[in-house]
C-alpha atoms as a PDB file:
ATOM      1  CA  MET A   1     160.987 241.138  43.334  1.00  0.00           C
ATOM      2  CA  ASP A   2     160.233 239.121  39.869  1.00  0.00           C
ATOM      3  CA  PRO A   3     162.435 236.398  38.858  1.00  0.00           C
ATOM      4  CA  HIS A   4     164.205 238.684  36.456  1.00  0.00           C
ATOM      5  CA  GLU A   5     165.106 240.877  39.047  1.00  0.00           C
ATOM      6  CA  THR A   6     166.069 238.089  41.457  1.00  0.00           C
ATOM      7  CA  ILE A   7     168.398 236.727  38.905  1.00  0.00           C
ATOM      8  CA  ASN A   8     170.114 239.920  37.543  1.00  0.00           C
ATOM      9  CA  ASP A   9     170.804 240.557  41.237  1.00  0.00           C
ATOM     10  CA  ILE A  10     172.540 237.240  42.364  1.00  0.00           C
ATOM     11  CA  LEU A  11     174.290 237.110  39.127  1.00  0.00           C
ATOM     12  CA  VAL A  12     176.236 241.131  39.736  1.00  0.00           C
ATOM     13  CA  ASN A  13     176.591 240.190  43.084  1.00  0.00           C
ATOM     14  CA  LEU A  14     178.200 236.979  42.433  1.00  0.00           C
ATOM     15  CA  PHE A  15     180.396 238.324  39.717  1.00  0.00           C
ATOM     16  CA  ASN A  16     181.361 241.070  42.361  1.00  0.00           C
ATOM     17  CA  GLU A  17     182.044 238.528  45.324  1.00  0.00           C
ATOM     18  CA  ILE A  18     183.707 236.069  43.077  1.00  0.00           C
ATOM     19  CA  LEU A  19     186.539 239.031  42.124  1.00  0.00           C
ATOM     20  CA  LYS A  20     186.739 240.181  45.108  1.00  0.00           C
ATOM     21  CA  LEU A  21     186.893 237.024  47.314  1.00  0.00           C
ATOM     22  CA  GLU A  22     189.641 235.804  44.573  1.00  0.00           C
ATOM     23  CA  GLU A  23     191.882 238.208  44.901  1.00  0.00           C
ATOM     24  CA  GLU A  24     192.020 237.720  48.136  1.00  0.00           C
ATOM     25  CA  ALA A  25     192.057 233.955  48.544  1.00  0.00           C
ATOM     26  CA  ILE A  26     194.937 233.653  46.549  1.00  0.00           C
ATOM     27  CA  ILE A  27     197.327 236.657  47.176  1.00  0.00           C
ATOM     28  CA  THR A  28     198.338 235.439  49.852  1.00  0.00           C
ATOM     29  CA  ASP A  29     201.809 236.164  51.389  1.00  0.00           C
ATOM     30  CA  GLU A  30     203.658 233.761  48.969  1.00  0.00           C
ATOM     31  CA  PHE A  31     202.425 235.561  46.634  1.00  0.00           C
ATOM     32  CA  LYS A  32     201.408 239.088  47.175  1.00  0.00           C
ATOM     33  CA  ASP A  33     204.040 240.274  44.343  1.00  0.00           C
ATOM     34  CA  ILE A  34     201.210 238.963  41.803  1.00  0.00           C
ATOM     35  CA  THR A  35     197.716 240.668  40.656  1.00  0.00           C
ATOM     36  CA  ASN A  36     194.446 238.715  40.223  1.00  0.00           C
ATOM     37  CA  ASN A  37     195.469 239.055  36.347  1.00  0.00           C
ATOM     38  CA  ASP A  38     198.863 237.944  37.061  1.00  0.00           C
ATOM     39  CA  MET A  39     197.636 234.678  38.547  1.00  0.00           C
ATOM     40  CA  HIS A  40     195.236 234.113  35.282  1.00  0.00           C
ATOM     41  CA  ILE A  41     197.996 234.158  33.312  1.00  0.00           C
ATOM     42  CA  ILE A  42     199.756 231.871  35.010  1.00  0.00           C
ATOM     43  CA  GLU A  43     196.807 229.663  35.196  1.00  0.00           C
ATOM     44  CA  ALA A  44     196.540 229.734  31.369  1.00  0.00           C
ATOM     45  CA  VAL A  45     200.888 229.039  31.085  1.00  0.00           C
ATOM     46  CA  GLY A  46     199.921 226.092  32.909  1.00  0.00           C
ATOM     47  CA  LEU A  47     201.673 222.866  33.435  1.00  0.00           C
ATOM     48  CA  SER A  48     202.663 221.714  30.209  1.00  0.00           C
ATOM     49  CA  GLY A  49     205.597 223.771  28.861  1.00  0.00           C
ATOM     50  CA  GLU A  50     204.350 223.455  25.438  1.00  0.00           C
ATOM     51  CA  ASN A  51     202.686 227.198  25.391  1.00  0.00           C
ATOM     52  CA  THR A  52     203.385 229.720  23.011  1.00  0.00           C
ATOM     53  CA  MET A  53     202.845 233.299  23.486  1.00  0.00           C
ATOM     54  CA  SER A  54     200.493 233.363  21.072  1.00  0.00           C
ATOM     55  CA  VAL A  55     198.564 230.094  22.445  1.00  0.00           C
ATOM     56  CA  VAL A  56     198.423 231.772  25.895  1.00  0.00           C
ATOM     57  CA  ALA A  57     197.339 235.059  24.196  1.00  0.00           C
ATOM     58  CA  LYS A  58     194.066 233.504  22.480  1.00  0.00           C
ATOM     59  CA  LYS A  59     193.116 231.732  25.443  1.00  0.00           C
ATOM     60  CA  LEU A  60     193.032 234.565  27.623  1.00  0.00           C
ATOM     61  CA  GLY A  61     191.100 236.575  24.297  1.00  0.00           C
ATOM     62  CA  ILE A  62     194.161 239.482  24.331  1.00  0.00           C
ATOM     63  CA  THR A  63     196.847 240.476  21.854  1.00  0.00           C
ATOM     64  CA  ALA A  64     200.207 238.819  22.352  1.00  0.00           C
ATOM     65  CA  GLY A  65     201.918 242.458  22.660  1.00  0.00           C
ATOM     66  CA  SER A  66     199.459 242.690  25.538  1.00  0.00           C
ATOM     67  CA  LEU A  67     200.628 239.622  27.350  1.00  0.00           C
ATOM     68  CA  THR A  68     204.088 240.430  26.896  1.00  0.00           C
ATOM     69  CA  THR A  69     203.384 243.338  29.243  1.00  0.00           C
ATOM     70  CA  SER A  70     202.782 240.720  31.768  1.00  0.00           C
ATOM     71  CA  VAL A  71     204.640 238.243  30.789  1.00  0.00           C
ATOM     72  CA  ASN A  72     207.862 240.453  31.427  1.00  0.00           C
ATOM     73  CA  SER A  73     206.597 241.475  35.048  1.00  0.00           C
ATOM     74  CA  LEU A  74     206.324 237.158  35.521  1.00  0.00           C
ATOM     75  CA  VAL A  75     209.546 237.006  34.184  1.00  0.00           C
ATOM     76  CA  ASN A  76     211.111 239.355  36.471  1.00  0.00           C
ATOM     77  CA  LYS A  77     209.264 238.120  39.653  1.00  0.00           C
ATOM     78  CA  LYS A  78     210.593 234.740  38.505  1.00  0.00           C
ATOM     79  CA  TYR A  79     207.294 232.791  37.977  1.00  0.00           C
ATOM     80  CA  VAL A  80     207.010 232.019  34.394  1.00  0.00           C
ATOM     81  CA  LYS A  81     210.483 231.787  32.349  1.00  0.00           C
ATOM     82  CA  ARG A  82     211.225 232.221  28.638  1.00  0.00           C
ATOM     83  CA  GLN A  83     212.620 229.425  26.210  1.00  0.00           C
ATOM     84  CA  ARG A  84     212.675 229.486  22.684  1.00  0.00           C
ATOM     85  CA  SER A  85     212.360 226.464  20.322  1.00  0.00           C
ATOM     86  CA  GLU A  86     215.024 224.060  19.212  1.00  0.00           C
ATOM     87  CA  GLU A  87     213.674 223.556  15.780  1.00  0.00           C
ATOM     88  CA  ASP A  88     212.405 226.993  14.934  1.00  0.00           C
ATOM     89  CA  ARG A  89     214.164 229.882  17.078  1.00  0.00           C
ATOM     90  CA  ARG A  90     211.214 232.535  16.327  1.00  0.00           C
ATOM     91  CA  VAL A  91     208.878 230.523  18.650  1.00  0.00           C
ATOM     92  CA  VAL A  92     209.303 230.902  22.224  1.00  0.00           C
ATOM     93  CA  PHE A  93     207.424 228.972  24.641  1.00  0.00           C
ATOM     94  CA  ILE A  94     206.137 229.959  27.767  1.00  0.00           C
ATOM     95  CA  LYS A  95     207.102 227.913  30.985  1.00  0.00           C
ATOM     96  CA  LEU A  96     205.959 228.131  34.854  1.00  0.00           C
ATOM     97  CA  THR A  97     208.796 228.014  37.045  1.00  0.00           C
ATOM     98  CA  GLU A  98     208.598 226.363  40.687  1.00  0.00           C
ATOM     99  CA  LYS A  99     207.344 229.071  42.106  1.00  0.00           C
ATOM    100  CA  GLY A 100     204.660 229.742  39.002  1.00  0.00           C
ATOM    101  CA  LYS A 101     203.817 226.009  39.593  1.00  0.00           C
ATOM    102  CA  ARG A 102     203.012 226.617  42.948  1.00  0.00           C
ATOM    103  CA  ALA A 103     200.878 229.487  42.246  1.00  0.00           C
ATOM    104  CA  TYR A 104     198.855 227.508  39.356  1.00  0.00           C
ATOM    105  CA  GLU A 105     198.318 224.624  42.299  1.00  0.00           C
ATOM    106  CA  HIS A 106     197.354 227.674  44.772  1.00  0.00           C
ATOM    107  CA  HIS A 107     194.733 228.812  42.435  1.00  0.00           C
ATOM    108  CA  ARG A 108     193.298 225.550  41.158  1.00  0.00           C
ATOM    109  CA  GLU A 109     193.002 224.700  44.606  1.00  0.00           C
ATOM    110  CA  TYR A 110     191.358 228.263  45.385  1.00  0.00           C
ATOM    111  CA  HIS A 111     188.572 226.929  42.047  1.00  0.00           C
ATOM    112  CA  ARG A 112     188.464 223.195  43.645  1.00  0.00           C
ATOM    113  CA  GLN A 113     187.021 224.048  46.714  1.00  0.00           C
ATOM    114  CA  MET A 114     184.756 226.797  44.930  1.00  0.00           C
ATOM    115  CA  THR A 115     183.293 224.581  42.433  1.00  0.00           C
ATOM    116  CA  GLU A 116     183.081 221.438  45.896  1.00  0.00           C
ATOM    117  CA  ALA A 117     181.120 224.249  47.927  1.00  0.00           C
ATOM    118  CA  VAL A 118     178.467 224.768  44.894  1.00  0.00           C
ATOM    119  CA  ILE A 119     178.186 220.756  44.100  1.00  0.00           C
ATOM    120  CA  SER A 120     178.131 219.464  47.833  1.00  0.00           C
ATOM    121  CA  ARG A 121     174.728 221.625  48.219  1.00  0.00           C
ATOM    122  CA  LEU A 122     173.243 219.794  45.217  1.00  0.00           C
ATOM    123  CA  ASP A 123     171.764 216.114  44.766  1.00  0.00           C
ATOM    124  CA  GLU A 124     172.072 214.380  41.951  1.00  0.00           C
ATOM    125  CA  ASN A 125     169.385 215.663  40.255  1.00  0.00           C
ATOM    126  CA  GLU A 126     170.225 219.128  40.411  1.00  0.00           C
ATOM    127  CA  VAL A 127     173.702 218.679  38.882  1.00  0.00           C
ATOM    128  CA  PRO A 128     172.666 218.406  35.684  1.00  0.00           C
ATOM    129  CA  VAL A 129     170.424 221.508  35.592  1.00  0.00           C
ATOM    130  CA  LEU A 130     173.208 223.622  37.086  1.00  0.00           C
ATOM    131  CA  ILE A 131     175.481 222.996  33.935  1.00  0.00           C
ATOM    132  CA  LYS A 132     172.514 223.698  31.892  1.00  0.00           C
ATOM    133  CA  THR A 133     171.870 226.555  33.233  1.00  0.00           C
ATOM    134  CA  LEU A 134     175.713 227.943  33.766  1.00  0.00           C
ATOM    135  CA  THR A 135     176.273 227.033  30.198  1.00  0.00           C
ATOM    136  CA  GLY A 136     173.436 228.763  28.703  1.00  0.00           C
ATOM    137  CA  LEU A 137     175.373 232.118  30.967  1.00  0.00           C
ATOM    138  CA  SER A 138     178.846 230.810  29.310  1.00  0.00           C
ATOM    139  CA  ASP A 139     176.914 230.860  25.174  1.00  0.00           C
ATOM    140  CA  PHE A 140     175.078 234.624  26.256  1.00  0.00           C
ATOM    141  CA  PHE A 141     178.998 235.439  27.391  1.00  0.00           C
ATOM    142  CA  ARG A 142     180.954 234.085  24.320  1.00  0.00           C
ATOM    143  CA  GLY A 143     178.114 235.796  22.283  1.00  0.00           C
ATOM    144  CA  TYR A 144     178.204 238.949  23.978  1.00  0.00           C
ATOM    145  CA  ASN A 145     181.997 238.716  23.616  1.00  0.00           C
ATOM    146  CA  ASP A 146     181.839 237.490  19.487  1.00  0.00           C
ATOM    147  CA  GLN A 147     179.055 240.595  19.200  1.00  0.00           C
ATOM    148  CA  MET A 148     181.424 243.450  20.628  1.00  0.00           C
ATOM    149  CA  ASN A 149     184.450 242.547  18.864  1.00  0.00           C
ATOM    150  CA  ASN A 150     182.387 242.797  14.940  1.00  0.00           C
END
């Protein structure tokens, strides 16, 4: 098999495996009432308590309207809460509840383990090569996404 086919096969299988395994690893008994998409919204909300709907929507690359539907569900499930700004009542912050913070930490730990599994197999000279490779892949996806949205 030529290198292009090999790399393509690895990337396609890797992306599919990551999505499947992440869902299985993240959605435990404690967090069975949310989806993988919900978990990524929780991750985007983060721990700062300073994020507005528009900031989170921008992080995720979706509209505020799309985010509102998911946030409503997460509010009902007690993962996030809304809080109006004292300075400007039009501004609404979304914050993680204690349950949301536990989900966030659970998700972060999964990603830490995934990253460690990769780095632990490399020597110190290989890490910069991997970073360069993944940066190139990331640049491709961002450029492709920008191209599709214009």
